[in-house]
Amino acid sequence: MNPKIFIGYLFAFLSGLTLGALTGLLLAPTSGEELRGQIRVKADASSQQIKANVGQARQWVTDETAKLQKGKQAGETSDNQ
């Protein structure tokens, strides 16, 4: 799968998840203070999850780039022989 497409789908999914969670919280019958606390907790959890996903995506890109560079170097070595 193309990494740009994957990241786009991941962002869309996480955005929808966040909007759905916020909508659910806003429609729930709770006090304002309690609601703000819940939003803060959810936002922190979402932030941590997004950071983890970005880290995984970054590692994947780094690994794939290294593989491509190794393949290119191996191709150049065999061309020179």
PDB file of N, CA and C in Angstrom:
ATOM      1  N   MET A   1       0.848  -1.174   0.000  1.00  0.00           N
ATOM      2  CA  MET A   1       0.000   0.000   0.000  1.00  0.00           C
ATOM      3  C   MET A   1       0.892   1.235   0.000  1.00  0.00           C
ATOM      4  N   ASN A   2       0.486   2.214  -0.746  1.00  0.00           N
ATOM      5  CA  ASN A   2       1.199   3.481  -0.822  1.00  0.00           C
ATOM      6  C   ASN A   2       1.169   4.156   0.549  1.00  0.00           C
ATOM      7  N   PRO A   3       2.326   4.561   1.093  1.00  0.00           N
ATOM      8  CA  PRO A   3       2.358   5.169   2.430  1.00  0.00           C
ATOM      9  C   PRO A   3       1.513   6.430   2.540  1.00  0.00           C
ATOM     10  N   LYS A   4       1.466   7.242   1.488  1.00  0.00           N
ATOM     11  CA  LYS A   4       0.669   8.472   1.548  1.00  0.00           C
ATOM     12  C   LYS A   4      -0.811   8.152   1.676  1.00  0.00           C
ATOM     13  N   ILE A   5      -1.259   7.135   0.968  1.00  0.00           N
ATOM     14  CA  ILE A   5      -2.668   6.734   1.048  1.00  0.00           C
ATOM     15  C   ILE A   5      -2.962   6.186   2.440  1.00  0.00           C
ATOM     16  N   PHE A   6      -2.051   5.353   2.957  1.00  0.00           N
ATOM     17  CA  PHE A   6      -2.225   4.769   4.287  1.00  0.00           C
ATOM     18  C   PHE A   6      -2.317   5.866   5.346  1.00  0.00           C
ATOM     19  N   ILE A   7      -1.416   6.832   5.282  1.00  0.00           N
ATOM     20  CA  ILE A   7      -1.420   7.914   6.263  1.00  0.00           C
ATOM     21  C   ILE A   7      -2.696   8.736   6.136  1.00  0.00           C
ATOM     22  N   GLY A   8      -3.171   8.936   4.909  1.00  0.00           N
ATOM     23  CA  GLY A   8      -4.430   9.657   4.704  1.00  0.00           C
ATOM     24  C   GLY A   8      -5.606   8.933   5.327  1.00  0.00           C
ATOM     25  N   TYR A   9      -5.672   7.625   5.110  1.00  0.00           N
ATOM     26  CA  TYR A   9      -6.745   6.838   5.714  1.00  0.00           C
ATOM     27  C   TYR A   9      -6.643   6.845   7.236  1.00  0.00           C
ATOM     28  N   LEU A  10      -5.425   6.732   7.739  1.00  0.00           N
ATOM     29  CA  LEU A  10      -5.219   6.729   9.183  1.00  0.00           C
ATOM     30  C   LEU A  10      -5.673   8.059   9.783  1.00  0.00           C
ATOM     31  N   PHE A  11      -5.302   9.169   9.148  1.00  0.00           N
ATOM     32  CA  PHE A  11      -5.705  10.486   9.640  1.00  0.00           C
ATOM     33  C   PHE A  11      -7.221  10.641   9.599  1.00  0.00           C
ATOM     34  N   ALA A  12      -7.843  10.209   8.511  1.00  0.00           N
ATOM     35  CA  ALA A  12      -9.299  10.307   8.392  1.00  0.00           C
ATOM     36  C   ALA A  12      -9.989   9.476   9.478  1.00  0.00           C
ATOM     37  N   PHE A  13      -9.481   8.275   9.706  1.00  0.00           N
ATOM     38  CA  PHE A  13     -10.061   7.405  10.732  1.00  0.00           C
ATOM     39  C   PHE A  13      -9.945   8.035  12.115  1.00  0.00           C
ATOM     40  N   LEU A  14      -8.739   8.523  12.440  1.00  0.00           N
ATOM     41  CA  LEU A  14      -8.533   9.114  13.759  1.00  0.00           C
ATOM     42  C   LEU A  14      -9.343  10.399  13.928  1.00  0.00           C
ATOM     43  N   SER A  15      -9.479  11.170  12.869  1.00  0.00           N
ATOM     44  CA  SER A  15     -10.289  12.385  12.938  1.00  0.00           C
ATOM     45  C   SER A  15     -11.751  12.035  13.196  1.00  0.00           C
ATOM     46  N   GLY A  16     -12.263  11.049  12.481  1.00  0.00           N
ATOM     47  CA  GLY A  16     -13.641  10.617  12.686  1.00  0.00           C
ATOM     48  C   GLY A  16     -13.866  10.062  14.081  1.00  0.00           C
ATOM     49  N   LEU A  17     -12.894   9.306  14.552  1.00  0.00           N
ATOM     50  CA  LEU A  17     -12.976   8.748  15.898  1.00  0.00           C
ATOM     51  C   LEU A  17     -13.024   9.864  16.933  1.00  0.00           C
ATOM     52  N   THR A  18     -12.176  10.851  16.766  1.00  0.00           N
ATOM     53  CA  THR A  18     -12.134  11.973  17.702  1.00  0.00           C
ATOM     54  C   THR A  18     -13.430  12.774  17.666  1.00  0.00           C
ATOM     55  N   LEU A  19     -13.919  13.086  16.466  1.00  0.00           N
ATOM     56  CA  LEU A  19     -15.163  13.840  16.353  1.00  0.00           C
ATOM     57  C   LEU A  19     -16.338  13.065  16.937  1.00  0.00           C
ATOM     58  N   GLY A  20     -16.373  11.778  16.712  1.00  0.00           N
ATOM     59  CA  GLY A  20     -17.442  10.952  17.271  1.00  0.00           C
ATOM     60  C   GLY A  20     -17.399  10.937  18.789  1.00  0.00           C
ATOM     61  N   ALA A  21     -16.203  10.814  19.337  1.00  0.00           N
ATOM     62  CA  ALA A  21     -16.066  10.804  20.795  1.00  0.00           C
ATOM     63  C   ALA A  21     -16.482  12.145  21.388  1.00  0.00           C
ATOM     64  N   LEU A  22     -16.053  13.234  20.762  1.00  0.00           N
ATOM     65  CA  LEU A  22     -16.423  14.558  21.265  1.00  0.00           C
ATOM     66  C   LEU A  22     -17.925  14.797  21.164  1.00  0.00           C
ATOM     67  N   THR A  23     -18.523  14.367  20.076  1.00  0.00           N
ATOM     68  CA  THR A  23     -19.974  14.513  19.918  1.00  0.00           C
ATOM     69  C   THR A  23     -20.706  13.739  21.003  1.00  0.00           C
ATOM     70  N   GLY A  24     -20.257  12.523  21.250  1.00  0.00           N
ATOM     71  CA  GLY A  24     -20.872  11.717  22.306  1.00  0.00           C
ATOM     72  C   GLY A  24     -20.748  12.371  23.669  1.00  0.00           C
ATOM     73  N   LEU A  25     -19.591  12.951  23.934  1.00  0.00           N
ATOM     74  CA  LEU A  25     -19.404  13.625  25.217  1.00  0.00           C
ATOM     75  C   LEU A  25     -20.275  14.874  25.341  1.00  0.00           C
ATOM     76  N   LEU A  26     -20.364  15.617  24.245  1.00  0.00           N
ATOM     77  CA  LEU A  26     -21.158  16.844  24.292  1.00  0.00           C
ATOM     78  C   LEU A  26     -22.652  16.575  24.451  1.00  0.00           C
ATOM     79  N   LEU A  27     -23.113  15.453  23.969  1.00  0.00           N
ATOM     80  CA  LEU A  27     -24.536  15.117  24.069  1.00  0.00           C
ATOM     81  C   LEU A  27     -24.876  14.368  25.357  1.00  0.00           C
ATOM     82  N   ALA A  28     -23.863  13.976  26.104  1.00  0.00           N
ATOM     83  CA  ALA A  28     -24.104  13.240  27.347  1.00  0.00           C
ATOM     84  C   ALA A  28     -24.581  14.196  28.436  1.00  0.00           C
ATOM     85  N   PRO A  29     -25.501  13.740  29.275  1.00  0.00           N
ATOM     86  CA  PRO A  29     -26.034  14.601  30.336  1.00  0.00           C
ATOM     87  C   PRO A  29     -25.089  14.659  31.546  1.00  0.00           C
ATOM     88  N   THR A  30     -24.041  15.480  31.439  1.00  0.00           N
ATOM     89  CA  THR A  30     -23.095  15.640  32.549  1.00  0.00           C
ATOM     90  C   THR A  30     -22.884  17.131  32.799  1.00  0.00           C
ATOM     91  N   SER A  31     -22.283  17.439  33.937  1.00  0.00           N
ATOM     92  CA  SER A  31     -21.989  18.841  34.255  1.00  0.00           C
ATOM     93  C   SER A  31     -20.835  19.328  33.381  1.00  0.00           C
ATOM     94  N   GLY A  32     -20.718  20.641  33.257  1.00  0.00           N
ATOM     95  CA  GLY A  32     -19.664  21.234  32.438  1.00  0.00           C
ATOM     96  C   GLY A  32     -18.275  20.868  32.927  1.00  0.00           C
ATOM     97  N   GLU A  33     -18.082  20.901  34.234  1.00  0.00           N
ATOM     98  CA  GLU A  33     -16.766  20.575  34.802  1.00  0.00           C
ATOM     99  C   GLU A  33     -16.404  19.118  34.529  1.00  0.00           C
ATOM    100  N   GLU A  34     -17.361  18.241  34.733  1.00  0.00           N
ATOM    101  CA  GLU A  34     -17.119  16.818  34.482  1.00  0.00           C
ATOM    102  C   GLU A  34     -16.848  16.570  32.993  1.00  0.00           C
ATOM    103  N   LEU A  35     -17.608  17.251  32.148  1.00  0.00           N
ATOM    104  CA  LEU A  35     -17.435  17.113  30.707  1.00  0.00           C
ATOM    105  C   LEU A  35     -16.048  17.579  30.275  1.00  0.00           C
ATOM    106  N   ARG A  36     -15.598  18.712  30.797  1.00  0.00           N
ATOM    107  CA  ARG A  36     -14.267  19.209  30.445  1.00  0.00           C
ATOM    108  C   ARG A  36     -13.187  18.226  30.889  1.00  0.00           C
ATOM    109  N   GLY A  37     -13.379  17.626  32.037  1.00  0.00           N
ATOM    110  CA  GLY A  37     -12.422  16.627  32.511  1.00  0.00           C
ATOM    111  C   GLY A  37     -12.389  15.413  31.593  1.00  0.00           C
ATOM    112  N   GLN A  38     -13.558  14.967  31.168  1.00  0.00           N
ATOM    113  CA  GLN A  38     -13.627  13.821  30.254  1.00  0.00           C
ATOM    114  C   GLN A  38     -12.971  14.150  28.914  1.00  0.00           C
ATOM    115  N   ILE A  39     -13.225  15.358  28.422  1.00  0.00           N
ATOM    116  CA  ILE A  39     -12.625  15.773  27.147  1.00  0.00           C
ATOM    117  C   ILE A  39     -11.112  15.814  27.282  1.00  0.00           C
ATOM    118  N   ARG A  40     -10.618  16.334  28.390  1.00  0.00           N
ATOM    119  CA  ARG A  40      -9.174  16.411  28.622  1.00  0.00           C
ATOM    120  C   ARG A  40      -8.553  15.011  28.618  1.00  0.00           C
ATOM    121  N   VAL A  41      -9.199  14.083  29.310  1.00  0.00           N
ATOM    122  CA  VAL A  41      -8.688  12.712  29.369  1.00  0.00           C
ATOM    123  C   VAL A  41      -8.690  12.075  27.976  1.00  0.00           C
ATOM    124  N   LYS A  42      -9.789  12.236  27.250  1.00  0.00           N
ATOM    125  CA  LYS A  42      -9.880  11.665  25.899  1.00  0.00           C
ATOM    126  C   LYS A  42      -8.861  12.305  24.960  1.00  0.00           C
ATOM    127  N   ALA A  43      -8.689  13.620  25.077  1.00  0.00           N
ATOM    128  CA  ALA A  43      -7.731  14.317  24.219  1.00  0.00           C
ATOM    129  C   ALA A  43      -6.313  13.839  24.506  1.00  0.00           C
ATOM    130  N   ASP A  44      -5.987  13.659  25.770  1.00  0.00           N
ATOM    131  CA  ASP A  44      -4.655  13.164  26.120  1.00  0.00           C
ATOM    132  C   ASP A  44      -4.433  11.752  25.583  1.00  0.00           C
ATOM    133  N   ALA A  45      -5.444  10.898  25.721  1.00  0.00           N
ATOM    134  CA  ALA A  45      -5.335   9.523  25.224  1.00  0.00           C
ATOM    135  C   ALA A  45      -5.195   9.516  23.699  1.00  0.00           C
ATOM    136  N   SER A  46      -5.984  10.361  23.030  1.00  0.00           N
ATOM    137  CA  SER A  46      -5.914  10.439  21.568  1.00  0.00           C
ATOM    138  C   SER A  46      -4.551  10.956  21.128  1.00  0.00           C
ATOM    139  N   SER A  47      -4.044  11.934  21.833  1.00  0.00           N
ATOM    140  CA  SER A  47      -2.735  12.501  21.514  1.00  0.00           C
ATOM    141  C   SER A  47      -1.651  11.432  21.627  1.00  0.00           C
ATOM    142  N   GLN A  48      -1.696  10.650  22.685  1.00  0.00           N
ATOM    143  CA  GLN A  48      -0.708   9.586  22.862  1.00  0.00           C
ATOM    144  C   GLN A  48      -0.822   8.542  21.764  1.00  0.00           C
ATOM    145  N   GLN A  49      -2.052   8.193  21.384  1.00  0.00           N
ATOM    146  CA  GLN A  49      -2.263   7.198  20.331  1.00  0.00           C
ATOM    147  C   GLN A  49      -1.755   7.723  18.991  1.00  0.00           C
ATOM    148  N   ILE A  50      -2.027   8.989  18.713  1.00  0.00           N
ATOM    149  CA  ILE A  50      -1.564   9.585  17.456  1.00  0.00           C
ATOM    150  C   ILE A  50      -0.038   9.610  17.425  1.00  0.00           C
ATOM    151  N   LYS A  51       0.586   9.990  18.531  1.00  0.00           N
ATOM    152  CA  LYS A  51       2.054   9.996  18.594  1.00  0.00           C
ATOM    153  C   LYS A  51       2.614   8.600  18.355  1.00  0.00           C
ATOM    154  N   ALA A  52       1.979   7.592  18.934  1.00  0.00           N
ATOM    155  CA  ALA A  52       2.440   6.216  18.732  1.00  0.00           C
ATOM    156  C   ALA A  52       2.289   5.814  17.269  1.00  0.00           C
ATOM    157  N   ASN A  53       1.161   6.150  16.659  1.00  0.00           N
ATOM    158  CA  ASN A  53       0.935   5.812  15.254  1.00  0.00           C
ATOM    159  C   ASN A  53       1.909   6.532  14.334  1.00  0.00           C
ATOM    160  N   VAL A  54       2.177   7.795  14.626  1.00  0.00           N
ATOM    161  CA  VAL A  54       3.141   8.552  13.824  1.00  0.00           C
ATOM    162  C   VAL A  54       4.527   7.934  13.978  1.00  0.00           C
ATOM    163  N   GLY A  55       4.873   7.545  15.185  1.00  0.00           N
ATOM    164  CA  GLY A  55       6.166   6.886  15.408  1.00  0.00           C
ATOM    165  C   GLY A  55       6.286   5.597  14.616  1.00  0.00           C
ATOM    166  N   GLN A  56       5.218   4.812  14.592  1.00  0.00           N
ATOM    167  CA  GLN A  56       5.229   3.564  13.823  1.00  0.00           C
ATOM    168  C   GLN A  56       5.339   3.850  12.332  1.00  0.00           C
ATOM    169  N   ALA A  57       4.607   4.849  11.864  1.00  0.00           N
ATOM    170  CA  ALA A  57       4.672   5.198  10.444  1.00  0.00           C
ATOM    171  C   ALA A  57       6.065   5.705  10.081  1.00  0.00           C
ATOM    172  N   ARG A  58       6.641   6.517  10.942  1.00  0.00           N
ATOM    173  CA  ARG A  58       7.991   7.037  10.704  1.00  0.00           C
ATOM    174  C   ARG A  58       9.007   5.885  10.647  1.00  0.00           C
ATOM    175  N   GLN A  59       8.872   4.929  11.559  1.00  0.00           N
ATOM    176  CA  GLN A  59       9.784   3.785  11.569  1.00  0.00           C
ATOM    177  C   GLN A  59       9.621   2.956  10.303  1.00  0.00           C
ATOM    178  N   TRP A  60       8.386   2.772   9.865  1.00  0.00           N
ATOM    179  CA  TRP A  60       8.124   2.010   8.644  1.00  0.00           C
ATOM    180  C   TRP A  60       8.777   2.691   7.445  1.00  0.00           C
ATOM    181  N   VAL A  61       8.625   4.015   7.356  1.00  0.00           N
ATOM    182  CA  VAL A  61       9.223   4.762   6.249  1.00  0.00           C
ATOM    183  C   VAL A  61      10.747   4.647   6.303  1.00  0.00           C
ATOM    184  N   THR A  62      11.311   4.751   7.490  1.00  0.00           N
ATOM    185  CA  THR A  62      12.762   4.622   7.641  1.00  0.00           C
ATOM    186  C   THR A  62      13.223   3.238   7.199  1.00  0.00           C
ATOM    187  N   ASP A  63      12.517   2.200   7.620  1.00  0.00           N
ATOM    188  CA  ASP A  63      12.876   0.829   7.246  1.00  0.00           C
ATOM    189  C   ASP A  63      12.777   0.616   5.742  1.00  0.00           C
ATOM    190  N   GLU A  64      11.692   1.102   5.153  1.00  0.00           N
ATOM    191  CA  GLU A  64      11.504   0.932   3.709  1.00  0.00           C
ATOM    192  C   GLU A  64      12.552   1.705   2.915  1.00  0.00           C
ATOM    193  N   THR A  65      12.896   2.889   3.392  1.00  0.00           N
ATOM    194  CA  THR A  65      13.937   3.682   2.734  1.00  0.00           C
ATOM    195  C   THR A  65      15.278   2.958   2.799  1.00  0.00           C
ATOM    196  N   ALA A  66      15.588   2.390   3.955  1.00  0.00           N
ATOM    197  CA  ALA A  66      16.841   1.648   4.103  1.00  0.00           C
ATOM    198  C   ALA A  66      16.869   0.448   3.161  1.00  0.00           C
ATOM    199  N   LYS A  67      15.749  -0.258   3.035  1.00  0.00           N
ATOM    200  CA  LYS A  67      15.681  -1.407   2.125  1.00  0.00           C
ATOM    201  C   LYS A  67      15.923  -0.965   0.683  1.00  0.00           C
ATOM    202  N   LEU A  68      15.300   0.140   0.295  1.00  0.00           N
ATOM    203  CA  LEU A  68      15.469   0.641  -1.067  1.00  0.00           C
ATOM    204  C   LEU A  68      16.909   1.059  -1.323  1.00  0.00           C
ATOM    205  N   GLN A  69      17.525   1.706  -0.338  1.00  0.00           N
ATOM    206  CA  GLN A  69      18.908   2.126  -0.501  1.00  0.00           C
ATOM    207  C   GLN A  69      19.838   0.928  -0.612  1.00  0.00           C
ATOM    208  N   LYS A  70      19.598  -0.106   0.187  1.00  0.00           N
ATOM    209  CA  LYS A  70      20.412  -1.326   0.106  1.00  0.00           C
ATOM    210  C   LYS A  70      20.251  -1.982  -1.257  1.00  0.00           C
ATOM    211  N   GLY A  71      19.018  -2.038  -1.742  1.00  0.00           N
ATOM    212  CA  GLY A  71      18.760  -2.619  -3.051  1.00  0.00           C
ATOM    213  C   GLY A  71      19.431  -1.820  -4.153  1.00  0.00           C
ATOM    214  N   LYS A  72      19.415  -0.511  -4.036  1.00  0.00           N
ATOM    215  CA  LYS A  72      20.050   0.345  -5.035  1.00  0.00           C
ATOM    216  C   LYS A  72      21.558   0.157  -5.008  1.00  0.00           C
ATOM    217  N   GLN A  73      22.140   0.087  -3.818  1.00  0.00           N
ATOM    218  CA  GLN A  73      23.578  -0.111  -3.700  1.00  0.00           C
ATOM    219  C   GLN A  73      23.990  -1.481  -4.223  1.00  0.00           C
ATOM    220  N   ALA A  74      23.163  -2.484  -3.959  1.00  0.00           N
ATOM    221  CA  ALA A  74      23.469  -3.828  -4.457  1.00  0.00           C
ATOM    222  C   ALA A  74      23.394  -3.836  -5.983  1.00  0.00           C
ATOM    223  N   GLY A  75      22.456  -3.104  -6.560  1.00  0.00           N
ATOM    224  CA  GLY A  75      22.316  -3.020  -7.998  1.00  0.00           C
ATOM    225  C   GLY A  75      23.507  -2.293  -8.627  1.00  0.00           C
ATOM    226  N   GLU A  76      23.982  -1.245  -7.954  1.00  0.00           N
ATOM    227  CA  GLU A  76      25.128  -0.497  -8.469  1.00  0.00           C
ATOM    228  C   GLU A  76      26.388  -1.345  -8.392  1.00  0.00           C
ATOM    229  N   THR A  77      26.521  -2.141  -7.337  1.00  0.00           N
ATOM    230  CA  THR A  77      27.689  -3.003  -7.183  1.00  0.00           C
ATOM    231  C   THR A  77      27.718  -4.062  -8.266  1.00  0.00           C
ATOM    232  N   SER A  78      26.573  -4.677  -8.561  1.00  0.00           N
ATOM    233  CA  SER A  78      26.538  -5.718  -9.590  1.00  0.00           C
ATOM    234  C   SER A  78      26.705  -5.117 -10.987  1.00  0.00           C
ATOM    235  N   ASP A  79      26.293  -3.860 -11.188  1.00  0.00           N
ATOM    236  CA  ASP A  79      26.482  -3.189 -12.481  1.00  0.00           C
ATOM    237  C   ASP A  79      27.943  -2.863 -12.724  1.00  0.00           C
ATOM    238  N   ASN A  80      28.673  -2.571 -11.658  1.00  0.00           N
ATOM    239  CA  ASN A  80      30.081  -2.201 -11.802  1.00  0.00           C
ATOM    240  C   ASN A  80      30.982  -3.400 -12.043  1.00  0.00           C
ATOM    241  N   GLN A  81      30.544  -4.582 -11.780  1.00  0.00           N
ATOM    242  CA  GLN A  81      31.380  -5.783 -11.922  1.00  0.00           C
ATOM    243  C   GLN A  81      31.395  -6.300 -13.299  1.00  0.00           C
TER     244      GLN A  81
END
